[in-house]
Amino acid sequence: MVHTGKPKKSVQRRRKAVEQANQESKASTQTVQSSSSTVPATLSQDYDDYALSFLFSSYILLPRELEEKHGFMSCIPPVWAQMDARSPLKPAAKAVGFCLLEAWSGIQPNNASSLSRSQYQTGIEALRKHLQSSKPVSDDVLMASLMLDFFEGVQAFCSSKPNVGPHMSGTAALVGLREQSPASDTDSQEVLLGARSQVVGRALLNRSPLPPGISTGTNVTHGIPQTPGYNFDNLSIELVKLLERAAELATETIVPSPRVLETIQQAIDLDEKFQAWKASVPPDWGPFPVSNLECIPQSVRDAGLYQDRCNIYKSINNANLLNCCCCSRIKIQMAIRACLDYLNHERPDAASAMAEGLIQELADEVCACIPFNLGDRMMPSRVDDKTVQYPSLEGSPLPEDHWLAAAAVGGWCITARMSELLAPGIPLRDLQRQWIIGQLQRVKSIYVVQPYKAV
């Protein structure tokens, strides 16, 4: 079908950002060439442009539909097109672009020859200078903090260590400042919500309290469509607060049974909200279970299939959000089990066993997503390698952007979910746990993840 209408605003903004980057590239090249007609543009400048181009083309994956929008990466193009030439976002984005290029080249981010480190330091200095000027927290400043955290996340992933970088705390503080005087335009509100999503997601991933000043989106936005991602983030805020209340019980010598039962009921109510959220997402998101050979190539089966389970989704981002829902529900069941322990002899064994069974079922669903994210990859390859095979629905080939999305962010997303499943105390089946550990090792081989070594 030929589309003859006007392109969407998001597409127009991305084109504008790319055109601006191209103009800057041409200008820098002309400046170098004017000094000598025989001297080409310097390698470092070309590499700067290439790093930014790689970031924009490989990692800023705009959602196909408004309902799929979630996170902050899709907010970059409109902010980039309007930012000042001295914006801290530019060196911060360069740092991420360099770091990703080096990661795909097998260069450890803490390697002495890394070019990304200097860009990272430049981004930090630019952000610090802006904040010390007492200027308002503009969209590009908030995005700069997020990109510096992204850099720290890539380093942590490649070094197989937790992301405890300082810029998520800084982002949380900036979000708190922005929420005190929220902007009225849609782009700025979406940037704020994207940043809030990262802060809340990190709190859940690291099992840490919610930073002060983070509130539900309804307090800071007006007219923003309540997409599945938007609603999921609000539920996630409720989950962080529930986990905080459950953790407080462990600090008390004597815990009254009524308080324990109240916390359990709150957990049950929140679990029902997550179930309702999943039922409310567009039905074409998935998951769609497949099993026959036409849908699952033999090479994918050989690489890793858990009990012949394999789910297909509309996109990598949809799959990740639905898997986050599974992990959130597992956290709720773990909170219920912990509360049941306080009841001593009153503890209903049937309720504990039911929670354990549900945890294992939810973990099964996450395991079934791994072939969709990793395909048949077993070793390093190009980010745009189209020879990789993936499972698909019968008679419905995967969209062209799946190869890039799966390679760029699929491994990252599913690694985070598998790590959550392996958190201490999660009552997985023995074979289930062993299989997940094996798949994590597979991810480390694909992305050349190595233990951290100080330089």
Protein backbone atom coordinates (compact mmCIF):
# COMPACT_ATOMS: atom_id res chain seq x y z
CA MET A 1 0.00 0.00 0.00
CA VAL A 2 1.40 3.37 -1.00
CA HIS A 3 1.27 6.06 1.64
CA THR A 4 0.62 9.52 0.21
CA GLY A 5 -0.17 11.47 3.36
CA LYS A 6 2.08 13.80 5.32
CA PRO A 7 4.77 12.19 7.47
CA LYS A 8 4.13 12.06 11.22
CA LYS A 9 5.56 14.83 13.39
CA SER A 10 7.96 12.37 15.04
CA VAL A 11 9.35 11.45 11.63
CA GLN A 12 9.65 15.12 10.64
CA ARG A 13 11.56 15.85 13.85
CA ARG A 14 13.95 12.99 13.26
CA ARG A 15 14.60 14.19 9.71
CA LYS A 16 15.29 17.67 11.03
CA ALA A 17 17.75 16.29 13.60
CA VAL A 18 19.55 14.24 10.95
CA GLU A 19 19.68 17.21 8.57
CA GLN A 20 21.18 19.36 11.34
CA ALA A 21 23.81 16.71 12.07
CA ASN A 22 24.64 16.50 8.35
CA GLN A 23 24.96 20.28 8.09
CA GLU A 24 27.34 20.32 11.07
CA SER A 25 29.35 17.54 9.47
CA LYS A 26 29.64 19.43 6.17
CA ALA A 27 30.60 22.64 7.94
CA SER A 28 33.37 20.93 9.92
CA THR A 29 34.68 19.25 6.77
CA GLN A 30 34.75 22.56 4.86
CA THR A 31 36.64 24.22 7.70
CA VAL A 32 39.35 21.59 7.63
CA GLN A 33 39.60 21.57 3.83
CA SER A 34 39.94 25.36 3.64
CA SER A 35 43.28 25.20 5.46
CA SER A 36 44.79 23.08 2.72
CA SER A 37 43.32 21.70 -0.47
CA THR A 38 45.37 18.51 -0.08
CA VAL A 39 44.55 17.71 3.56
CA PRO A 40 41.37 15.67 4.08
CA ALA A 41 39.06 16.05 7.04
CA THR A 42 40.65 14.83 10.27
CA LEU A 43 39.92 11.31 11.38
CA SER A 44 38.72 12.42 14.80
CA GLN A 45 36.03 14.71 13.36
CA ASP A 46 34.88 12.04 10.94
CA TYR A 47 34.73 9.59 13.82
CA ASP A 48 32.70 12.07 15.89
CA ASP A 49 30.13 12.27 13.11
CA TYR A 50 30.17 8.53 12.58
CA ALA A 51 29.61 7.89 16.29
CA LEU A 52 26.58 10.21 16.35
CA SER A 53 25.24 8.68 13.15
CA PHE A 54 25.60 5.18 14.64
CA LEU A 55 23.74 6.24 17.78
CA PHE A 56 20.88 7.87 15.85
CA SER A 57 20.47 5.13 13.27
CA SER A 58 20.93 2.07 15.51
CA TYR A 59 19.58 2.99 18.93
CA ILE A 60 16.98 5.70 18.47
CA LEU A 61 14.24 3.36 17.30
CA LEU A 62 11.10 5.42 16.90
CA PRO A 63 7.88 3.54 17.77
CA ARG A 64 5.67 2.53 14.87
CA GLU A 65 2.58 3.69 16.73
CA LEU A 66 1.86 6.15 19.54
CA GLU A 67 0.70 3.32 21.83
CA GLU A 68 4.18 1.80 21.72
CA LYS A 69 5.97 4.90 22.97
CA HIS A 70 7.90 4.39 26.20
CA GLY A 71 11.17 5.60 27.67
CA PHE A 72 13.36 8.52 26.68
CA MET A 73 15.28 7.53 23.54
CA SER A 74 12.49 8.51 21.14
CA CYS A 75 12.51 11.99 22.72
CA ILE A 76 16.03 12.74 21.50
CA PRO A 77 15.33 13.87 17.88
CA PRO A 78 13.06 16.86 18.71
CA VAL A 79 15.36 17.97 21.55
CA TRP A 80 18.46 17.55 19.37
CA ALA A 81 16.95 19.66 16.59
CA GLN A 82 16.29 22.58 18.95
CA MET A 83 19.28 22.48 21.31
CA ASP A 84 21.92 25.19 21.60
CA ALA A 85 25.34 24.54 20.02
CA ARG A 86 26.90 24.51 23.51
CA SER A 87 24.35 22.12 24.96
CA PRO A 88 25.74 19.40 27.27
CA LEU A 89 23.60 16.93 25.35
CA LYS A 90 26.00 16.98 22.40
CA PRO A 91 29.15 15.69 24.17
CA ALA A 92 27.00 13.32 26.24
CA ALA A 93 25.50 11.83 23.07
CA LYS A 94 28.96 11.60 21.51
CA ALA A 95 30.19 9.71 24.56
CA VAL A 96 27.39 7.16 24.14
CA GLY A 97 28.01 6.89 20.40
CA PHE A 98 31.75 6.30 20.91
CA CYS A 99 31.08 3.81 23.70
CA LEU A 100 28.61 1.80 21.61
CA LEU A 101 30.96 1.74 18.62
CA GLU A 102 33.79 0.53 20.82
CA ALA A 103 31.56 -2.09 22.45
CA TRP A 104 30.55 -3.46 19.04
CA SER A 105 34.24 -3.48 18.08
CA GLY A 106 35.13 -5.58 21.12
CA ILE A 107 36.99 -2.75 22.88
CA GLN A 108 36.46 -2.76 26.63
CA PRO A 109 35.01 0.59 27.81
CA ASN A 110 37.64 0.90 30.55
CA ASN A 111 40.45 0.27 28.05
CA ALA A 112 43.18 2.92 28.07
CA SER A 113 42.73 3.44 24.31
CA SER A 114 39.00 4.18 24.64
CA LEU A 115 37.95 7.44 22.98
CA SER A 116 34.59 7.52 24.73
CA ARG A 117 36.03 8.39 28.14
CA SER A 118 37.20 11.87 27.10
CA GLN A 119 33.78 12.63 25.59
CA TYR A 120 32.15 11.43 28.79
CA GLN A 121 34.31 13.79 30.85
CA THR A 122 33.49 16.64 28.45
CA GLY A 123 29.80 15.89 28.87
CA ILE A 124 30.12 15.91 32.66
CA GLU A 125 31.90 19.28 32.61
CA ALA A 126 29.34 20.79 30.24
CA LEU A 127 26.45 19.56 32.40
CA ARG A 128 28.10 20.79 35.60
CA LYS A 129 28.74 24.20 34.05
CA HIS A 130 25.11 24.55 33.04
CA LEU A 131 23.79 23.51 36.46
CA GLN A 132 26.15 25.91 38.24
CA SER A 133 24.76 28.77 36.14
CA SER A 134 21.39 28.42 37.90
CA LYS A 135 19.61 28.24 34.56
CA PRO A 136 16.32 26.33 34.33
CA VAL A 137 16.48 22.56 33.79
CA SER A 138 15.75 22.50 30.06
CA ASP A 139 14.93 19.41 28.02
CA ASP A 140 18.46 19.05 26.64
CA VAL A 141 19.97 19.25 30.14
CA LEU A 142 17.70 16.48 31.40
CA MET A 143 18.50 14.43 28.29
CA ALA A 144 22.24 15.03 28.82
CA SER A 145 22.01 13.53 32.29
CA LEU A 146 20.12 10.55 30.89
CA MET A 147 22.72 10.01 28.16
CA LEU A 148 25.57 10.11 30.67
CA ASP A 149 23.70 7.44 32.63
CA PHE A 150 23.28 5.51 29.36
CA PHE A 151 27.07 5.64 28.95
CA GLU A 152 27.52 4.28 32.46
CA GLY A 153 24.99 1.55 31.67
CA VAL A 154 26.89 0.43 28.56
CA GLN A 155 30.09 0.30 30.57
CA ALA A 156 28.43 -1.72 33.31
CA PHE A 157 26.91 -4.15 30.78
CA CYS A 158 30.18 -4.70 28.94
CA SER A 159 32.04 -5.21 32.22
CA SER A 160 29.40 -7.52 33.75
CA LYS A 161 28.79 -5.37 36.81
CA PRO A 162 25.77 -3.50 38.25
CA ASN A 163 25.08 -0.01 36.98
CA VAL A 164 25.62 2.16 40.03
CA GLY A 165 26.79 5.24 38.13
CA PRO A 166 26.06 8.65 39.66
CA HIS A 167 23.95 10.14 36.89
CA MET A 168 20.72 8.28 37.62
CA SER A 169 20.67 9.95 41.04
CA GLY A 170 21.38 13.24 39.30
CA THR A 171 18.59 12.60 36.82
CA ALA A 172 16.18 11.88 39.68
CA ALA A 173 17.07 15.21 41.28
CA LEU A 174 16.53 17.04 37.97
CA VAL A 175 13.17 15.30 37.51
CA GLY A 176 12.18 16.48 40.97
CA LEU A 177 13.07 20.07 40.02
CA ARG A 178 11.15 19.85 36.75
CA GLU A 179 8.06 18.46 38.49
CA GLN A 180 7.93 21.55 40.69
CA SER A 181 7.30 23.72 37.62
CA PRO A 182 6.20 21.37 34.81
CA ALA A 183 6.31 22.57 31.21
CA SER A 184 3.15 22.91 29.17
CA ASP A 185 4.34 21.75 25.74
CA THR A 186 3.99 18.09 24.80
CA ASP A 187 7.65 17.47 23.89
CA SER A 188 8.89 18.68 27.28
CA GLN A 189 6.29 16.63 29.12
CA GLU A 190 7.34 13.51 27.20
CA VAL A 191 11.00 14.15 28.08
CA LEU A 192 10.02 14.41 31.75
CA LEU A 193 7.99 11.20 31.60
CA GLY A 194 10.83 9.42 29.79
CA ALA A 195 13.27 10.46 32.51
CA ARG A 196 10.83 9.46 35.24
CA SER A 197 10.45 6.04 33.59
CA GLN A 198 14.22 5.47 33.77
CA VAL A 199 14.41 6.51 37.42
CA VAL A 200 11.54 4.24 38.47
CA GLY A 201 12.82 1.32 36.40
CA ARG A 202 16.28 1.61 37.95
CA ALA A 203 14.81 1.67 41.46
CA LEU A 204 13.03 -1.61 40.74
CA LEU A 205 16.04 -3.20 39.06
CA ASN A 206 18.39 -2.27 41.91
CA ARG A 207 15.76 -2.89 44.61
CA SER A 208 16.30 0.60 45.96
CA PRO A 209 13.87 3.19 47.37
CA LEU A 210 12.22 5.69 45.06
CA PRO A 211 14.12 9.01 45.09
CA PRO A 212 12.21 11.91 46.66
CA GLY A 213 10.23 14.13 44.34
CA ILE A 214 9.12 11.41 41.91
CA SER A 215 5.35 11.46 41.50
CA THR A 216 2.75 9.98 39.19
CA GLY A 217 2.54 11.43 35.70
CA THR A 218 -0.93 12.85 36.29
CA ASN A 219 0.63 15.49 38.55
CA VAL A 220 2.98 16.86 35.90
CA THR A 221 1.34 16.30 32.52
CA HIS A 222 -1.69 17.65 30.75
CA GLY A 223 -3.07 16.12 27.59
CA ILE A 224 -0.43 13.37 27.30
CA PRO A 225 -2.09 10.19 25.96
CA GLN A 226 -2.24 7.48 28.60
CA THR A 227 -0.29 4.90 26.63
CA PRO A 228 0.45 1.42 28.03
CA GLY A 229 3.97 2.58 28.90
CA TYR A 230 2.63 5.63 30.73
CA ASN A 231 0.22 3.53 32.79
CA PHE A 232 2.87 0.88 33.46
CA ASP A 233 5.22 3.48 34.93
CA ASN A 234 2.50 4.66 37.32
CA LEU A 235 1.95 1.07 38.46
CA SER A 236 5.72 0.71 38.88
CA ILE A 237 5.75 3.67 41.26
CA GLU A 238 3.09 1.90 43.33
CA LEU A 239 5.23 -1.25 43.28
CA VAL A 240 8.36 0.53 44.55
CA LYS A 241 6.33 1.97 47.43
CA LEU A 242 4.80 -1.44 48.20
CA LEU A 243 8.26 -3.05 48.33
CA GLU A 244 9.43 -0.29 50.66
CA ARG A 245 6.52 -0.97 53.03
CA ALA A 246 7.19 -4.72 52.93
CA ALA A 247 10.89 -4.16 53.64
CA GLU A 248 10.06 -1.99 56.66
CA LEU A 249 8.46 -5.01 58.33
CA ALA A 250 11.87 -6.69 58.55
CA THR A 251 13.23 -3.81 60.65
CA GLU A 252 10.71 -4.31 63.46
CA THR A 253 11.10 -6.73 66.36
CA ILE A 254 7.40 -7.54 66.60
CA VAL A 255 5.16 -7.15 63.58
CA PRO A 256 1.42 -7.09 64.30
CA SER A 257 -0.54 -9.60 62.21
CA PRO A 258 -3.11 -6.98 61.08
CA ARG A 259 -0.34 -4.91 59.52
CA VAL A 260 1.08 -7.95 57.73
CA LEU A 261 -2.34 -8.90 56.40
CA GLU A 262 -2.91 -5.33 55.23
CA THR A 263 0.38 -5.39 53.28
CA ILE A 264 -0.54 -8.74 51.73
CA GLN A 265 -3.90 -7.37 50.61
CA GLN A 266 -2.20 -4.32 49.09
CA ALA A 267 0.12 -6.65 47.19
CA ILE A 268 -2.79 -8.74 45.92
CA ASP A 269 -4.62 -5.61 44.78
CA LEU A 270 -1.54 -4.33 42.93
CA ASP A 271 -1.01 -7.71 41.27
CA GLU A 272 -4.56 -7.51 39.96
CA LYS A 273 -3.79 -4.05 38.56
CA PHE A 274 -0.79 -5.43 36.66
CA GLN A 275 -2.96 -8.25 35.30
CA ALA A 276 -5.54 -5.69 34.20
CA TRP A 277 -2.80 -3.63 32.58
CA LYS A 278 -1.60 -6.61 30.56
CA ALA A 279 -5.17 -7.36 29.46
CA SER A 280 -5.53 -3.73 28.31
CA VAL A 281 -2.53 -3.58 25.94
CA PRO A 282 -3.24 -3.89 22.20
CA PRO A 283 -3.85 -7.56 21.36
CA ASP A 284 -1.30 -7.49 18.52
CA TRP A 285 1.53 -6.93 21.01
CA GLY A 286 1.58 -10.62 21.91
CA PRO A 287 2.83 -12.89 23.26
CA PHE A 288 1.99 -15.43 20.55
CA PRO A 289 3.28 -18.94 21.36
CA VAL A 290 4.76 -20.86 18.41
CA SER A 291 6.18 -24.37 18.24
CA ASN A 292 6.41 -25.77 14.69
CA LEU A 293 9.63 -25.88 12.67
CA GLU A 294 8.31 -23.39 10.11
CA CYS A 295 8.13 -20.77 12.87
CA ILE A 296 11.27 -21.73 14.79
CA PRO A 297 14.35 -22.45 12.62
CA GLN A 298 16.49 -25.38 13.74
CA SER A 299 19.43 -23.07 14.39
CA VAL A 300 17.28 -21.12 16.87
CA ARG A 301 16.30 -24.36 18.59
CA ASP A 302 19.94 -25.37 18.83
CA ALA A 303 20.93 -21.99 20.29
CA GLY A 304 18.44 -22.17 23.13
CA LEU A 305 14.78 -23.13 23.50
CA TYR A 306 13.30 -23.64 26.95
CA GLN A 307 10.98 -26.67 27.02
CA ASP A 308 9.94 -25.96 23.40
CA ARG A 309 8.45 -22.66 24.56
CA CYS A 310 8.82 -19.70 22.21
CA ASN A 311 6.81 -16.46 22.17
CA ILE A 312 6.58 -13.91 19.36
CA TYR A 313 5.82 -10.23 19.90
CA LYS A 314 5.06 -7.23 17.75
CA SER A 315 8.40 -5.61 18.61
CA ILE A 316 11.37 -5.82 20.94
CA ASN A 317 10.09 -2.84 22.96
CA ASN A 318 6.66 -4.46 23.41
CA ALA A 319 8.32 -7.72 24.47
CA ASN A 320 10.47 -5.92 27.03
CA LEU A 321 7.53 -4.06 28.56
CA LEU A 322 5.49 -7.27 28.86
CA ASN A 323 8.49 -9.06 30.40
CA CYS A 324 8.90 -6.18 32.84
CA CYS A 325 5.29 -6.85 33.83
CA CYS A 326 6.20 -10.49 34.54
CA CYS A 327 9.16 -9.45 36.68
CA SER A 328 7.05 -6.89 38.54
CA ARG A 329 4.48 -9.54 39.37
CA ILE A 330 7.28 -11.83 40.58
CA LYS A 331 8.44 -9.07 42.94
CA ILE A 332 4.88 -8.81 44.27
CA GLN A 333 4.70 -12.57 44.89
CA MET A 334 8.06 -12.43 46.68
CA ALA A 335 6.71 -9.65 48.91
CA ILE A 336 3.65 -11.78 49.70
CA ARG A 337 5.85 -14.78 50.60
CA ALA A 338 7.98 -12.58 52.86
CA CYS A 339 4.88 -11.27 54.61
CA LEU A 340 3.55 -14.79 55.10
CA ASP A 341 6.76 -15.63 57.00
CA TYR A 342 5.80 -13.07 59.69
CA LEU A 343 2.60 -14.94 60.43
CA ASN A 344 4.60 -17.88 61.88
CA HIS A 345 2.17 -20.72 62.67
CA GLU A 346 -0.62 -18.77 61.01
CA ARG A 347 1.18 -18.94 57.68
CA PRO A 348 -1.04 -20.57 55.04
CA ASP A 349 1.21 -23.09 53.27
CA ALA A 350 -1.21 -23.23 50.34
CA ALA A 351 -0.87 -19.47 49.75
CA SER A 352 2.94 -19.68 49.80
CA ALA A 353 2.94 -22.62 47.40
CA MET A 354 0.55 -20.76 45.10
CA ALA A 355 2.88 -17.74 45.03
CA GLU A 356 5.86 -20.00 44.26
CA GLY A 357 4.02 -21.68 41.40
CA LEU A 358 3.01 -18.33 39.91
CA ILE A 359 6.62 -17.09 40.12
CA GLN A 360 7.80 -20.10 38.13
CA GLU A 361 5.06 -19.64 35.52
CA LEU A 362 5.98 -15.98 35.07
CA ALA A 363 9.65 -16.95 34.74
CA ASP A 364 8.63 -19.45 32.04
CA GLU A 365 7.10 -16.60 30.05
CA VAL A 366 10.32 -14.57 30.24
CA CYS A 367 12.34 -17.62 29.16
CA ALA A 368 10.03 -18.08 26.18
CA CYS A 369 10.97 -14.60 24.94
CA ILE A 370 14.72 -15.27 24.68
CA PRO A 371 14.69 -16.73 21.12
CA PHE A 372 12.77 -13.66 19.91
CA ASN A 373 15.48 -11.41 21.40
CA LEU A 374 18.62 -13.41 20.54
CA GLY A 375 17.62 -15.52 17.53
CA ASP A 376 20.32 -18.07 16.74
CA ARG A 377 23.25 -15.84 17.67
CA MET A 378 26.00 -17.55 19.63
CA MET A 379 29.00 -15.33 18.94
CA PRO A 380 29.81 -11.69 18.08
CA SER A 381 28.49 -10.34 14.78
CA ARG A 382 27.62 -7.02 13.16
CA VAL A 383 24.75 -5.02 14.58
CA ASP A 384 23.09 -5.14 11.13
CA ASP A 385 23.76 -8.83 10.44
CA LYS A 386 20.75 -10.01 8.41
CA THR A 387 21.95 -13.62 8.32
CA VAL A 388 20.78 -14.10 11.93
CA GLN A 389 17.64 -16.23 12.07
CA TYR A 390 14.72 -15.46 14.39
CA PRO A 391 11.44 -17.20 15.14
CA SER A 392 8.31 -15.72 13.59
CA LEU A 393 4.60 -16.29 13.20
CA GLU A 394 3.64 -18.67 10.42
CA GLY A 395 2.93 -16.73 7.24
CA SER A 396 3.91 -13.43 8.89
CA PRO A 397 7.60 -12.49 8.47
CA LEU A 398 9.24 -10.26 11.04
CA PRO A 399 9.44 -6.52 10.27
CA GLU A 400 12.71 -5.33 8.73
CA ASP A 401 13.69 -3.33 11.81
CA HIS A 402 13.63 -6.41 14.06
CA TRP A 403 17.19 -7.44 13.14
CA LEU A 404 18.59 -4.07 14.21
CA ALA A 405 16.38 -3.70 17.30
CA ALA A 406 17.12 -7.24 18.52
CA ALA A 407 20.88 -6.82 18.11
CA ALA A 408 21.03 -3.28 19.51
CA VAL A 409 18.72 -3.53 22.53
CA GLY A 410 17.25 -7.05 22.59
CA GLY A 411 20.22 -8.61 24.36
CA TRP A 412 20.43 -5.70 26.79
CA CYS A 413 16.72 -5.97 27.70
CA ILE A 414 16.58 -9.72 28.13
CA THR A 415 19.80 -9.72 30.19
CA ALA A 416 18.19 -7.34 32.68
CA ARG A 417 15.12 -9.56 32.94
CA MET A 418 17.15 -12.76 33.37
CA SER A 419 19.25 -11.07 36.05
CA GLU A 420 16.06 -10.21 37.91
CA LEU A 421 14.97 -13.85 37.76
CA LEU A 422 18.27 -14.91 39.32
CA ALA A 423 17.96 -12.50 42.25
CA PRO A 424 18.58 -14.13 45.67
CA GLY A 425 15.60 -15.99 47.05
CA ILE A 426 13.61 -16.38 43.81
CA PRO A 427 12.22 -19.96 44.03
CA LEU A 428 12.92 -21.13 40.48
CA ARG A 429 12.96 -24.78 39.49
CA ASP A 430 16.50 -26.18 39.42
CA LEU A 431 16.50 -26.83 35.66
CA GLN A 432 14.88 -23.43 35.08
CA ARG A 433 17.66 -21.68 36.99
CA GLN A 434 20.40 -23.65 35.23
CA TRP A 435 18.95 -22.85 31.82
CA ILE A 436 18.78 -19.11 32.56
CA ILE A 437 22.39 -19.12 33.79
CA GLY A 438 23.40 -20.80 30.53
CA GLN A 439 21.59 -18.17 28.47
CA LEU A 440 23.31 -15.39 30.41
CA GLN A 441 26.64 -16.95 29.51
CA ARG A 442 25.48 -17.02 25.90
CA VAL A 443 24.76 -13.28 26.03
CA LYS A 444 28.25 -12.65 27.38
CA SER A 445 29.70 -14.54 24.41
CA ILE A 446 27.56 -12.64 21.90
CA TYR A 447 28.42 -9.19 23.27
CA VAL A 448 31.98 -10.01 24.40
CA VAL A 449 31.12 -9.19 28.01
CA GLN A 450 34.20 -9.46 30.21
CA PRO A 451 34.77 -9.16 33.98
CA TYR A 452 35.62 -5.63 35.07
CA LYS A 453 39.31 -4.85 35.43
CA ALA A 454 40.56 -1.52 36.74
CA VAL A 455 42.99 0.29 34.45
